[in-house]
Structures are given as structure tokens and as C-alpha cells.
Amino acid sequence: MKTTLQLEELAMLVLGIYLFSLLSFPWWLFLALFLVPDIGMLGYLVNKKIGALTYNIFHHKGLAIFLYCVGIYLSNEHIQLCGIILFSHAAFDRILGYGLKYEKGFKFTHLGEIGKKN
């Protein structure tokens, strides 16, 4: 099942890359912004609950899709870009096993415990 989920996330990452290719931005910008959603980890400097909340906001595909759709509706490529970066980054993280976080700690995700052998 893990391989199936990773392949599904890979398909979503490829979709994000394709959607980016439809925008007028240079390719280096995708690479430059790709890790920006990880600023959500800064919430862990406050505590585990805030950390999980901020991380999950910056890695929520529903929010990413919403932003992308708002960007389409407003004909605003910058908002579309934000949605694409969030979506692509979240897919990449999930390929690596980093899912949405539970409040009990960073390594506890909806995909299982990070670092735990299955």
C-alpha cells in the first residue's frame, strides 16, 4: 500500500509541475519556492500544538487547491503559483512519508510515525 500511495503522490507532484508550466514564470522560481511551505515548521518553536497547526496549514492540499482556483477565478498567476507550490510541496513531502501532523509531536503523522519501520 505504501508504494501505491507514493505513486499517487508522485502523480500529484507531476500535475503540479505541469500546472506550473502553464504559468508565465521562469522554471528557477519553482525550484526557489519549492521549500517555502516548510516555514510552517517554525510553529514548533512555540509548542507542539501550534507547530502541528502551522505545519498542517502550509501542507494542506485542500488549501492549495482553493488558492489555485481563486487564482484562476481572479486571473491572478501569483495566487495560482502559491497554490501550485503548496500542492507540489505537500505531494513531495508525502512521497517521503511526511504527512499532516498530530499534536503529540512532529514525527506523528496521518501516514504513520516518521522513522518507524513498518
PDB file of N, CA and C in Angstrom:
ATOM      1  N   MET A   1       0.826  -1.196   0.000  1.00  0.00           N
ATOM      2  CA  MET A   1       0.000   0.000   0.000  1.00  0.00           C
ATOM      3  C   MET A   1       0.868   1.257   0.000  1.00  0.00           C
ATOM      4  N   LYS A   2       2.002   1.207   0.702  1.00  0.00           N
ATOM      5  CA  LYS A   2       2.882   2.374   0.764  1.00  0.00           C
ATOM      6  C   LYS A   2       3.334   2.792  -0.630  1.00  0.00           C
ATOM      7  N   THR A   3       3.700   1.833  -1.474  1.00  0.00           N
ATOM      8  CA  THR A   3       4.143   2.137  -2.836  1.00  0.00           C
ATOM      9  C   THR A   3       3.015   2.757  -3.643  1.00  0.00           C
ATOM     10  N   THR A   4       1.801   2.259  -3.481  1.00  0.00           N
ATOM     11  CA  THR A   4       0.648   2.816  -4.189  1.00  0.00           C
ATOM     12  C   THR A   4       0.427   4.272  -3.799  1.00  0.00           C
ATOM     13  N   LEU A   5       0.512   4.562  -2.506  1.00  0.00           N
ATOM     14  CA  LEU A   5       0.346   5.943  -2.043  1.00  0.00           C
ATOM     15  C   LEU A   5       1.459   6.843  -2.571  1.00  0.00           C
ATOM     16  N   GLN A   6       2.674   6.342  -2.590  1.00  0.00           N
ATOM     17  CA  GLN A   6       3.786   7.133  -3.106  1.00  0.00           C
ATOM     18  C   GLN A   6       3.620   7.419  -4.603  1.00  0.00           C
ATOM     19  N   LEU A   7       3.149   6.442  -5.354  1.00  0.00           N
ATOM     20  CA  LEU A   7       2.907   6.650  -6.787  1.00  0.00           C
ATOM     21  C   LEU A   7       1.793   7.668  -7.014  1.00  0.00           C
ATOM     22  N   GLU A   8       0.780   7.619  -6.166  1.00  0.00           N
ATOM     23  CA  GLU A   8      -0.308   8.593  -6.265  1.00  0.00           C
ATOM     24  C   GLU A   8       0.217  10.005  -5.994  1.00  0.00           C
ATOM     25  N   GLU A   9       1.050  10.140  -4.977  1.00  0.00           N
ATOM     26  CA  GLU A   9       1.629  11.448  -4.653  1.00  0.00           C
ATOM     27  C   GLU A   9       2.578  11.912  -5.756  1.00  0.00           C
ATOM     28  N   LEU A  10       3.305  10.978  -6.364  1.00  0.00           N
ATOM     29  CA  LEU A  10       4.181  11.320  -7.480  1.00  0.00           C
ATOM     30  C   LEU A  10       3.360  11.878  -8.641  1.00  0.00           C
ATOM     31  N   ALA A  11       2.212  11.271  -8.905  1.00  0.00           N
ATOM     32  CA  ALA A  11       1.328  11.771  -9.963  1.00  0.00           C
ATOM     33  C   ALA A  11       0.861  13.192  -9.640  1.00  0.00           C
ATOM     34  N   MET A  12       0.584  13.465  -8.375  1.00  0.00           N
ATOM     35  CA  MET A  12       0.161  14.811  -7.980  1.00  0.00           C
ATOM     36  C   MET A  12       1.312  15.813  -8.123  1.00  0.00           C
ATOM     37  N   LEU A  13       2.515  15.386  -7.800  1.00  0.00           N
ATOM     38  CA  LEU A  13       3.677  16.253  -7.985  1.00  0.00           C
ATOM     39  C   LEU A  13       3.859  16.573  -9.464  1.00  0.00           C
ATOM     40  N   VAL A  14       3.723  15.586 -10.316  1.00  0.00           N
ATOM     41  CA  VAL A  14       3.833  15.801 -11.763  1.00  0.00           C
ATOM     42  C   VAL A  14       2.729  16.755 -12.236  1.00  0.00           C
ATOM     43  N   LEU A  15       1.530  16.604 -11.697  1.00  0.00           N
ATOM     44  CA  LEU A  15       0.439  17.527 -12.027  1.00  0.00           C
ATOM     45  C   LEU A  15       0.810  18.956 -11.637  1.00  0.00           C
ATOM     46  N   GLY A  16       1.374  19.122 -10.444  1.00  0.00           N
ATOM     47  CA  GLY A  16       1.797  20.451 -10.005  1.00  0.00           C
ATOM     48  C   GLY A  16       2.840  21.054 -10.932  1.00  0.00           C
ATOM     49  N   ILE A  17       3.787  20.237 -11.351  1.00  0.00           N
ATOM     50  CA  ILE A  17       4.827  20.707 -12.279  1.00  0.00           C
ATOM     51  C   ILE A  17       4.197  21.099 -13.618  1.00  0.00           C
ATOM     52  N   TYR A  18       3.256  20.304 -14.078  1.00  0.00           N
ATOM     53  CA  TYR A  18       2.562  20.622 -15.327  1.00  0.00           C
ATOM     54  C   TYR A  18       1.802  21.944 -15.198  1.00  0.00           C
ATOM     55  N   LEU A  19       1.058  22.106 -14.111  1.00  0.00           N
ATOM     56  CA  LEU A  19       0.296  23.354 -13.926  1.00  0.00           C
ATOM     57  C   LEU A  19       1.232  24.556 -13.855  1.00  0.00           C
ATOM     58  N   PHE A  20       2.391  24.380 -13.227  1.00  0.00           N
ATOM     59  CA  PHE A  20       3.368  25.465 -13.194  1.00  0.00           C
ATOM     60  C   PHE A  20       3.818  25.819 -14.611  1.00  0.00           C
ATOM     61  N   SER A  21       3.990  24.803 -15.459  1.00  0.00           N
ATOM     62  CA  SER A  21       4.455  25.045 -16.826  1.00  0.00           C
ATOM     63  C   SER A  21       3.469  25.894 -17.624  1.00  0.00           C
ATOM     64  N   LEU A  22       2.218  25.949 -17.193  1.00  0.00           N
ATOM     65  CA  LEU A  22       1.208  26.749 -17.880  1.00  0.00           C
ATOM     66  C   LEU A  22       1.283  28.226 -17.508  1.00  0.00           C
ATOM     67  N   LEU A  23       2.010  28.524 -16.433  1.00  0.00           N
ATOM     68  CA  LEU A  23       2.152  29.914 -15.991  1.00  0.00           C
ATOM     69  C   LEU A  23       3.321  30.573 -16.712  1.00  0.00           C
ATOM     70  N   SER A  24       3.420  31.867 -16.587  1.00  0.00           N
ATOM     71  CA  SER A  24       4.451  32.620 -17.315  1.00  0.00           C
ATOM     72  C   SER A  24       5.736  32.828 -16.509  1.00  0.00           C
ATOM     73  N   PHE A  25       5.892  32.125 -15.405  1.00  0.00           N
ATOM     74  CA  PHE A  25       7.070  32.301 -14.560  1.00  0.00           C
ATOM     75  C   PHE A  25       8.238  31.446 -15.053  1.00  0.00           C
ATOM     76  N   PRO A  26       9.475  31.874 -14.771  1.00  0.00           N
ATOM     77  CA  PRO A  26      10.639  31.053 -15.145  1.00  0.00           C
ATOM     78  C   PRO A  26      10.736  29.821 -14.237  1.00  0.00           C
ATOM     79  N   TRP A  27      11.342  28.744 -14.763  1.00  0.00           N
ATOM     80  CA  TRP A  27      11.436  27.476 -14.024  1.00  0.00           C
ATOM     81  C   TRP A  27      12.214  27.588 -12.728  1.00  0.00           C
ATOM     82  N   TRP A  28      13.218  28.456 -12.691  1.00  0.00           N
ATOM     83  CA  TRP A  28      14.015  28.581 -11.475  1.00  0.00           C
ATOM     84  C   TRP A  28      13.152  29.012 -10.294  1.00  0.00           C
ATOM     85  N   LEU A  29      12.045  29.730 -10.571  1.00  0.00           N
ATOM     86  CA  LEU A  29      11.180  30.192  -9.482  1.00  0.00           C
ATOM     87  C   LEU A  29      10.502  29.019  -8.781  1.00  0.00           C
ATOM     88  N   PHE A  30      10.112  28.003  -9.546  1.00  0.00           N
ATOM     89  CA  PHE A  30       9.517  26.807  -8.940  1.00  0.00           C
ATOM     90  C   PHE A  30      10.496  26.192  -7.942  1.00  0.00           C
ATOM     91  N   LEU A  31      11.735  26.051  -8.373  1.00  0.00           N
ATOM     92  CA  LEU A  31      12.760  25.469  -7.503  1.00  0.00           C
ATOM     93  C   LEU A  31      13.049  26.363  -6.299  1.00  0.00           C
ATOM     94  N   ALA A  32      13.084  27.666  -6.524  1.00  0.00           N
ATOM     95  CA  ALA A  32      13.383  28.605  -5.445  1.00  0.00           C
ATOM     96  C   ALA A  32      12.287  28.613  -4.374  1.00  0.00           C
ATOM     97  N   LEU A  33      11.046  28.416  -4.780  1.00  0.00           N
ATOM     98  CA  LEU A  33       9.920  28.480  -3.844  1.00  0.00           C
ATOM     99  C   LEU A  33       9.500  27.118  -3.295  1.00  0.00           C
ATOM    100  N   PHE A  34      10.042  26.058  -3.837  1.00  0.00           N
ATOM    101  CA  PHE A  34       9.564  24.712  -3.526  1.00  0.00           C
ATOM    102  C   PHE A  34       9.601  24.375  -2.032  1.00  0.00           C
ATOM    103  N   LEU A  35      10.593  24.832  -1.323  1.00  0.00           N
ATOM    104  CA  LEU A  35      10.703  24.504   0.108  1.00  0.00           C
ATOM    105  C   LEU A  35      10.086  25.558   1.033  1.00  0.00           C
ATOM    106  N   VAL A  36       9.547  26.627   0.470  1.00  0.00           N
ATOM    107  CA  VAL A  36       8.959  27.696   1.286  1.00  0.00           C
ATOM    108  C   VAL A  36       7.861  27.195   2.228  1.00  0.00           C
ATOM    109  N   PRO A  37       6.996  26.264   1.831  1.00  0.00           N
ATOM    110  CA  PRO A  37       5.965  25.805   2.766  1.00  0.00           C
ATOM    111  C   PRO A  37       6.517  25.224   4.078  1.00  0.00           C
ATOM    112  N   ASP A  38       7.785  24.859   4.095  1.00  0.00           N
ATOM    113  CA  ASP A  38       8.361  24.338   5.337  1.00  0.00           C
ATOM    114  C   ASP A  38       8.503  25.395   6.429  1.00  0.00           C
ATOM    115  N   ILE A  39       8.212  26.657   6.108  1.00  0.00           N
ATOM    116  CA  ILE A  39       8.198  27.670   7.171  1.00  0.00           C
ATOM    117  C   ILE A  39       7.124  27.336   8.201  1.00  0.00           C
ATOM    118  N   GLY A  40       6.176  26.504   7.822  1.00  0.00           N
ATOM    119  CA  GLY A  40       5.157  26.061   8.767  1.00  0.00           C
ATOM    120  C   GLY A  40       5.740  25.318   9.955  1.00  0.00           C
ATOM    121  N   MET A  41       6.949  24.795   9.812  1.00  0.00           N
ATOM    122  CA  MET A  41       7.604  24.095  10.929  1.00  0.00           C
ATOM    123  C   MET A  41       8.011  25.048  12.040  1.00  0.00           C
ATOM    124  N   LEU A  42       8.094  26.339  11.738  1.00  0.00           N
ATOM    125  CA  LEU A  42       8.510  27.304  12.757  1.00  0.00           C
ATOM    126  C   LEU A  42       7.553  27.331  13.951  1.00  0.00           C
ATOM    127  N   GLY A  43       6.326  26.914  13.739  1.00  0.00           N
ATOM    128  CA  GLY A  43       5.369  26.846  14.845  1.00  0.00           C
ATOM    129  C   GLY A  43       5.822  25.925  15.960  1.00  0.00           C
ATOM    130  N   TYR A  44       6.671  24.954  15.632  1.00  0.00           N
ATOM    131  CA  TYR A  44       7.185  24.044  16.657  1.00  0.00           C
ATOM    132  C   TYR A  44       8.105  24.766  17.640  1.00  0.00           C
ATOM    133  N   LEU A  45       8.569  25.948  17.287  1.00  0.00           N
ATOM    134  CA  LEU A  45       9.363  26.740  18.233  1.00  0.00           C
ATOM    135  C   LEU A  45       8.497  27.237  19.391  1.00  0.00           C
ATOM    136  N   VAL A  46       7.179  27.327  19.155  1.00  0.00           N
ATOM    137  CA  VAL A  46       6.248  27.745  20.211  1.00  0.00           C
ATOM    138  C   VAL A  46       5.880  26.539  21.063  1.00  0.00           C
ATOM    139  N   ASN A  47       5.260  25.539  20.439  1.00  0.00           N
ATOM    140  CA  ASN A  47       4.930  24.278  21.113  1.00  0.00           C
ATOM    141  C   ASN A  47       4.411  23.282  20.071  1.00  0.00           C
ATOM    142  N   LYS A  48       4.145  22.062  20.498  1.00  0.00           N
ATOM    143  CA  LYS A  48       3.719  21.010  19.573  1.00  0.00           C
ATOM    144  C   LYS A  48       2.363  21.303  18.937  1.00  0.00           C
ATOM    145  N   LYS A  49       1.441  21.870  19.704  1.00  0.00           N
ATOM    146  CA  LYS A  49       0.106  22.145  19.184  1.00  0.00           C
ATOM    147  C   LYS A  49       0.151  23.211  18.091  1.00  0.00           C
ATOM    148  N   ILE A  50       0.838  24.306  18.346  1.00  0.00           N
ATOM    149  CA  ILE A  50       0.974  25.371  17.349  1.00  0.00           C
ATOM    150  C   ILE A  50       1.780  24.860  16.158  1.00  0.00           C
ATOM    151  N   GLY A  51       2.811  24.073  16.411  1.00  0.00           N
ATOM    152  CA  GLY A  51       3.623  23.512  15.348  1.00  0.00           C
ATOM    153  C   GLY A  51       2.808  22.649  14.403  1.00  0.00           C
ATOM    154  N   ALA A  52       1.982  21.774  14.966  1.00  0.00           N
ATOM    155  CA  ALA A  52       1.135  20.918  14.134  1.00  0.00           C
ATOM    156  C   ALA A  52       0.163  21.770  13.323  1.00  0.00           C
ATOM    157  N   LEU A  53      -0.408  22.784  13.943  1.00  0.00           N
ATOM    158  CA  LEU A  53      -1.365  23.655  13.251  1.00  0.00           C
ATOM    159  C   LEU A  53      -0.702  24.384  12.087  1.00  0.00           C
ATOM    160  N   THR A  54       0.432  25.029  12.339  1.00  0.00           N
ATOM    161  CA  THR A  54       1.075  25.807  11.273  1.00  0.00           C
ATOM    162  C   THR A  54       1.623  24.889  10.181  1.00  0.00           C
ATOM    163  N   TYR A  55       2.201  23.774  10.574  1.00  0.00           N
ATOM    164  CA  TYR A  55       2.700  22.824   9.573  1.00  0.00           C
ATOM    165  C   TYR A  55       1.548  22.351   8.681  1.00  0.00           C
ATOM    166  N   ASN A  56       0.446  21.968   9.301  1.00  0.00           N
ATOM    167  CA  ASN A  56      -0.684  21.434   8.536  1.00  0.00           C
ATOM    168  C   ASN A  56      -1.314  22.477   7.619  1.00  0.00           C
ATOM    169  N   ILE A  57      -1.337  23.725   8.029  1.00  0.00           N
ATOM    170  CA  ILE A  57      -1.857  24.785   7.159  1.00  0.00           C
ATOM    171  C   ILE A  57      -1.005  24.893   5.902  1.00  0.00           C
ATOM    172  N   PHE A  58       0.318  24.859   6.077  1.00  0.00           N
ATOM    173  CA  PHE A  58       1.228  25.021   4.941  1.00  0.00           C
ATOM    174  C   PHE A  58       1.420  23.735   4.127  1.00  0.00           C
ATOM    175  N   HIS A  59       0.751  22.659   4.539  1.00  0.00           N
ATOM    176  CA  HIS A  59       0.874  21.389   3.815  1.00  0.00           C
ATOM    177  C   HIS A  59      -0.495  20.777   3.498  1.00  0.00           C
ATOM    178  N   HIS A  60      -1.519  21.597   3.510  1.00  0.00           N
ATOM    179  CA  HIS A  60      -2.885  21.123   3.278  1.00  0.00           C
ATOM    180  C   HIS A  60      -3.232  21.263   1.804  1.00  0.00           C
ATOM    181  N   LYS A  61      -3.465  20.147   1.146  1.00  0.00           N
ATOM    182  CA  LYS A  61      -3.747  20.178  -0.288  1.00  0.00           C
ATOM    183  C   LYS A  61      -5.079  20.851  -0.598  1.00  0.00           C
ATOM    184  N   GLY A  62      -6.037  20.752   0.312  1.00  0.00           N
ATOM    185  CA  GLY A  62      -7.318  21.438   0.106  1.00  0.00           C
ATOM    186  C   GLY A  62      -7.129  22.945   0.018  1.00  0.00           C
ATOM    187  N   LEU A  63      -6.310  23.495   0.903  1.00  0.00           N
ATOM    188  CA  LEU A  63      -5.995  24.926   0.856  1.00  0.00           C
ATOM    189  C   LEU A  63      -5.261  25.265  -0.435  1.00  0.00           C
ATOM    190  N   ALA A  64      -4.346  24.396  -0.842  1.00  0.00           N
ATOM    191  CA  ALA A  64      -3.593  24.618  -2.078  1.00  0.00           C
ATOM    192  C   ALA A  64      -4.534  24.672  -3.286  1.00  0.00           C
ATOM    193  N   ILE A  65      -5.450  23.738  -3.356  1.00  0.00           N
ATOM    194  CA  ILE A  65      -6.406  23.700  -4.469  1.00  0.00           C
ATOM    195  C   ILE A  65      -7.306  24.930  -4.431  1.00  0.00           C
ATOM    196  N   PHE A  66      -7.736  25.317  -3.240  1.00  0.00           N
ATOM    197  CA  PHE A  66      -8.566  26.519  -3.091  1.00  0.00           C
ATOM    198  C   PHE A  66      -7.826  27.755  -3.609  1.00  0.00           C
ATOM    199  N   LEU A  67      -6.569  27.913  -3.195  1.00  0.00           N
ATOM    200  CA  LEU A  67      -5.782  29.060  -3.657  1.00  0.00           C
ATOM    201  C   LEU A  67      -5.631  29.048  -5.178  1.00  0.00           C
ATOM    202  N   TYR A  68      -5.330  27.897  -5.727  1.00  0.00           N
ATOM    203  CA  TYR A  68      -5.177  27.782  -7.178  1.00  0.00           C
ATOM    204  C   TYR A  68      -6.473  28.187  -7.885  1.00  0.00           C
ATOM    205  N   CYS A  69      -7.602  27.712  -7.401  1.00  0.00           N
ATOM    206  CA  CYS A  69      -8.895  28.039  -8.014  1.00  0.00           C
ATOM    207  C   CYS A  69      -9.226  29.525  -7.881  1.00  0.00           C
ATOM    208  N   VAL A  70      -8.920  30.113  -6.727  1.00  0.00           N
ATOM    209  CA  VAL A  70      -9.116  31.557  -6.557  1.00  0.00           C
ATOM    210  C   VAL A  70      -8.250  32.309  -7.564  1.00  0.00           C
ATOM    211  N   GLY A  71      -7.015  31.840  -7.743  1.00  0.00           N
ATOM    212  CA  GLY A  71      -6.131  32.457  -8.730  1.00  0.00           C
ATOM    213  C   GLY A  71      -6.680  32.375 -10.142  1.00  0.00           C
ATOM    214  N   ILE A  72      -7.285  31.247 -10.472  1.00  0.00           N
ATOM    215  CA  ILE A  72      -7.906  31.114 -11.799  1.00  0.00           C
ATOM    216  C   ILE A  72      -9.089  32.080 -11.914  1.00  0.00           C
ATOM    217  N   TYR A  73      -9.929  32.090 -10.878  1.00  0.00           N
ATOM    218  CA  TYR A  73     -11.120  32.945 -10.887  1.00  0.00           C
ATOM    219  C   TYR A  73     -10.740  34.420 -11.033  1.00  0.00           C
ATOM    220  N   LEU A  74      -9.679  34.826 -10.336  1.00  0.00           N
ATOM    221  CA  LEU A  74      -9.250  36.224 -10.378  1.00  0.00           C
ATOM    222  C   LEU A  74      -8.263  36.504 -11.512  1.00  0.00           C
ATOM    223  N   SER A  75      -7.953  35.495 -12.280  1.00  0.00           N
ATOM    224  CA  SER A  75      -6.925  35.612 -13.342  1.00  0.00           C
ATOM    225  C   SER A  75      -5.624  36.171 -12.783  1.00  0.00           C
ATOM    226  N   ASN A  76      -5.221  35.627 -11.637  1.00  0.00           N
ATOM    227  CA  ASN A  76      -4.025  36.095 -10.945  1.00  0.00           C
ATOM    228  C   ASN A  76      -3.021  34.942 -10.864  1.00  0.00           C
ATOM    229  N   GLU A  77      -1.984  35.023 -11.670  1.00  0.00           N
ATOM    230  CA  GLU A  77      -0.995  33.945 -11.712  1.00  0.00           C
ATOM    231  C   GLU A  77      -0.204  33.826 -10.411  1.00  0.00           C
ATOM    232  N   HIS A  78      -0.056  34.900  -9.665  1.00  0.00           N
ATOM    233  CA  HIS A  78       0.692  34.831  -8.398  1.00  0.00           C
ATOM    234  C   HIS A  78      -0.054  33.972  -7.376  1.00  0.00           C
ATOM    235  N   ILE A  79      -1.377  34.109  -7.320  1.00  0.00           N
ATOM    236  CA  ILE A  79      -2.169  33.274  -6.409  1.00  0.00           C
ATOM    237  C   ILE A  79      -2.170  31.830  -6.894  1.00  0.00           C
ATOM    238  N   GLN A  80      -2.262  31.640  -8.215  1.00  0.00           N
ATOM    239  CA  GLN A  80      -2.169  30.283  -8.762  1.00  0.00           C
ATOM    240  C   GLN A  80      -0.828  29.662  -8.385  1.00  0.00           C
ATOM    241  N   LEU A  81       0.237  30.447  -8.488  1.00  0.00           N
ATOM    242  CA  LEU A  81       1.574  29.964  -8.137  1.00  0.00           C
ATOM    243  C   LEU A  81       1.627  29.506  -6.687  1.00  0.00           C
ATOM    244  N   CYS A  82       1.044  30.280  -5.787  1.00  0.00           N
ATOM    245  CA  CYS A  82       1.027  29.884  -4.369  1.00  0.00           C
ATOM    246  C   CYS A  82       0.347  28.534  -4.196  1.00  0.00           C
ATOM    247  N   GLY A  83      -0.788  28.352  -4.848  1.00  0.00           N
ATOM    248  CA  GLY A  83      -1.498  27.076  -4.765  1.00  0.00           C
ATOM    249  C   GLY A  83      -0.685  25.927  -5.332  1.00  0.00           C
ATOM    250  N   ILE A  84      -0.038  26.156  -6.454  1.00  0.00           N
ATOM    251  CA  ILE A  84       0.769  25.107  -7.093  1.00  0.00           C
ATOM    252  C   ILE A  84       1.960  24.723  -6.224  1.00  0.00           C
ATOM    253  N   ILE A  85       2.624  25.709  -5.647  1.00  0.00           N
ATOM    254  CA  ILE A  85       3.780  25.419  -4.786  1.00  0.00           C
ATOM    255  C   ILE A  85       3.338  24.632  -3.558  1.00  0.00           C
ATOM    256  N   LEU A  86       2.265  25.068  -2.905  1.00  0.00           N
ATOM    257  CA  LEU A  86       1.771  24.337  -1.728  1.00  0.00           C
ATOM    258  C   LEU A  86       1.391  22.905  -2.100  1.00  0.00           C
ATOM    259  N   PHE A  87       0.679  22.742  -3.204  1.00  0.00           N
ATOM    260  CA  PHE A  87       0.232  21.415  -3.646  1.00  0.00           C
ATOM    261  C   PHE A  87       1.413  20.511  -3.980  1.00  0.00           C
ATOM    262  N   SER A  88       2.343  21.034  -4.756  1.00  0.00           N
ATOM    263  CA  SER A  88       3.502  20.241  -5.188  1.00  0.00           C
ATOM    264  C   SER A  88       4.383  19.866  -4.004  1.00  0.00           C
ATOM    265  N   HIS A  89       4.618  20.819  -3.125  1.00  0.00           N
ATOM    266  CA  HIS A  89       5.458  20.551  -1.956  1.00  0.00           C
ATOM    267  C   HIS A  89       4.807  19.495  -1.055  1.00  0.00           C
ATOM    268  N   ALA A  90       3.504  19.618  -0.828  1.00  0.00           N
ATOM    269  CA  ALA A  90       2.807  18.643   0.023  1.00  0.00           C
ATOM    270  C   ALA A  90       2.889  17.247  -0.587  1.00  0.00           C
ATOM    271  N   ALA A  91       2.734  17.156  -1.900  1.00  0.00           N
ATOM    272  CA  ALA A  91       2.841  15.849  -2.563  1.00  0.00           C
ATOM    273  C   ALA A  91       4.242  15.275  -2.394  1.00  0.00           C
ATOM    274  N   PHE A  92       5.261  16.112  -2.568  1.00  0.00           N
ATOM    275  CA  PHE A  92       6.647  15.664  -2.416  1.00  0.00           C
ATOM    276  C   PHE A  92       6.906  15.180  -0.987  1.00  0.00           C
ATOM    277  N   ASP A  93       6.442  15.951   0.000  1.00  0.00           N
ATOM    278  CA  ASP A  93       6.620  15.531   1.392  1.00  0.00           C
ATOM    279  C   ASP A  93       5.967  14.185   1.657  1.00  0.00           C
ATOM    280  N   ARG A  94       4.805  13.968   1.100  1.00  0.00           N
ATOM    281  CA  ARG A  94       4.096  12.711   1.334  1.00  0.00           C
ATOM    282  C   ARG A  94       4.764  11.543   0.621  1.00  0.00           C
ATOM    283  N   ILE A  95       5.428  11.807  -0.483  1.00  0.00           N
ATOM    284  CA  ILE A  95       6.227  10.755  -1.121  1.00  0.00           C
ATOM    285  C   ILE A  95       7.295  10.285  -0.135  1.00  0.00           C
ATOM    286  N   LEU A  96       7.859  11.236   0.620  1.00  0.00           N
ATOM    287  CA  LEU A  96       8.916  10.932   1.593  1.00  0.00           C
ATOM    288  C   LEU A  96       8.376  10.420   2.926  1.00  0.00           C
ATOM    289  N   GLY A  97       7.045  10.395   3.076  1.00  0.00           N
ATOM    290  CA  GLY A  97       6.445   9.893   4.309  1.00  0.00           C
ATOM    291  C   GLY A  97       6.101  10.949   5.333  1.00  0.00           C
ATOM    292  N   TYR A  98       6.240  12.216   4.964  1.00  0.00           N
ATOM    293  CA  TYR A  98       5.897  13.307   5.884  1.00  0.00           C
ATOM    294  C   TYR A  98       4.461  13.716   5.658  1.00  0.00           C
ATOM    295  N   GLY A  99       3.576  13.248   6.520  1.00  0.00           N
ATOM    296  CA  GLY A  99       2.161  13.572   6.387  1.00  0.00           C
ATOM    297  C   GLY A  99       1.776  14.729   7.276  1.00  0.00           C
ATOM    298  N   LEU A 100       0.479  14.986   7.323  1.00  0.00           N
ATOM    299  CA  LEU A 100      -0.042  16.014   8.220  1.00  0.00           C
ATOM    300  C   LEU A 100       0.216  15.582   9.661  1.00  0.00           C
ATOM    301  N   LYS A 101       0.492  16.548  10.514  1.00  0.00           N
ATOM    302  CA  LYS A 101       0.966  16.249  11.866  1.00  0.00           C
ATOM    303  C   LYS A 101      -0.151  16.167  12.895  1.00  0.00           C
ATOM    304  N   TYR A 102       0.059  15.271  13.855  1.00  0.00           N
ATOM    305  CA  TYR A 102      -0.764  15.219  15.052  1.00  0.00           C
ATOM    306  C   TYR A 102      -0.104  16.094  16.113  1.00  0.00           C
ATOM    307  N   GLU A 103      -0.891  16.537  17.092  1.00  0.00           N
ATOM    308  CA  GLU A 103      -0.391  17.458  18.113  1.00  0.00           C
ATOM    309  C   GLU A 103       0.619  16.837  19.068  1.00  0.00           C
ATOM    310  N   LYS A 104       0.748  15.533  19.089  1.00  0.00           N
ATOM    311  CA  LYS A 104       1.667  14.931  20.063  1.00  0.00           C
ATOM    312  C   LYS A 104       3.129  15.003  19.645  1.00  0.00           C
ATOM    313  N   GLY A 105       3.414  15.481  18.426  1.00  0.00           N
ATOM    314  CA  GLY A 105       4.799  15.649  18.031  1.00  0.00           C
ATOM    315  C   GLY A 105       4.998  15.579  16.528  1.00  0.00           C
ATOM    316  N   PHE A 106       6.124  16.103  16.058  1.00  0.00           N
ATOM    317  CA  PHE A 106       6.407  16.205  14.629  1.00  0.00           C
ATOM    318  C   PHE A 106       6.435  14.852  13.936  1.00  0.00           C
ATOM    319  N   LYS A 107       6.920  13.841  14.620  1.00  0.00           N
ATOM    320  CA  LYS A 107       7.078  12.544  13.950  1.00  0.00           C
ATOM    321  C   LYS A 107       5.778  11.750  13.857  1.00  0.00           C
ATOM    322  N   PHE A 108       4.691  12.259  14.426  1.00  0.00           N
ATOM    323  CA  PHE A 108       3.408  11.562  14.398  1.00  0.00           C
ATOM    324  C   PHE A 108       2.521  12.174  13.314  1.00  0.00           C
ATOM    325  N   THR A 109       2.309  11.409  12.221  1.00  0.00           N
ATOM    326  CA  THR A 109       1.593  11.936  11.062  1.00  0.00           C
ATOM    327  C   THR A 109       0.429  11.041  10.678  1.00  0.00           C
ATOM    328  N   HIS A 110      -0.405  11.550   9.786  1.00  0.00           N
ATOM    329  CA  HIS A 110      -1.540  10.757   9.310  1.00  0.00           C
ATOM    330  C   HIS A 110      -1.083   9.589   8.439  1.00  0.00           C
ATOM    331  N   LEU A 111       0.188   9.569   8.056  1.00  0.00           N
ATOM    332  CA  LEU A 111       0.734   8.449   7.287  1.00  0.00           C
ATOM    333  C   LEU A 111       1.461   7.440   8.165  1.00  0.00           C
ATOM    334  N   GLY A 112       1.498   7.718   9.459  1.00  0.00           N
ATOM    335  CA  GLY A 112       2.210   6.867  10.380  1.00  0.00           C
ATOM    336  C   GLY A 112       3.351   7.627  11.039  1.00  0.00           C
ATOM    337  N   GLU A 113       4.048   6.950  11.904  1.00  0.00           N
ATOM    338  CA  GLU A 113       5.150   7.571  12.624  1.00  0.00           C
ATOM    339  C   GLU A 113       6.389   7.649  11.736  1.00  0.00           C
ATOM    340  N   ILE A 114       6.978   8.831  11.658  1.00  0.00           N
ATOM    341  CA  ILE A 114       8.184   9.038  10.859  1.00  0.00           C
ATOM    342  C   ILE A 114       9.343   8.304  11.526  1.00  0.00           C
ATOM    343  N   GLY A 115      10.060   7.534  10.742  1.00  0.00           N
ATOM    344  CA  GLY A 115      11.213   6.796  11.243  1.00  0.00           C
ATOM    345  C   GLY A 115      10.893   5.414  11.766  1.00  0.00           C
ATOM    346  N   LYS A 116       9.620   5.103  11.915  1.00  0.00           N
ATOM    347  CA  LYS A 116       9.211   3.783  12.401  1.00  0.00           C
ATOM    348  C   LYS A 116       9.196   2.805  11.242  1.00  0.00           C
ATOM    349  N   LYS A 117       9.809   1.662  11.418  1.00  0.00           N
ATOM    350  CA  LYS A 117       9.808   0.616  10.388  1.00  0.00           C
ATOM    351  C   LYS A 117       8.437  -0.050  10.355  1.00  0.00           C
ATOM    352  N   ASN A 118       7.842  -0.138   9.165  1.00  0.00           N
ATOM    353  CA  ASN A 118       6.515  -0.775   9.044  1.00  0.00           C
ATOM    354  C   ASN A 118       6.631  -2.245   8.745  1.00  0.00           C
TER     355      ASN A 118
END
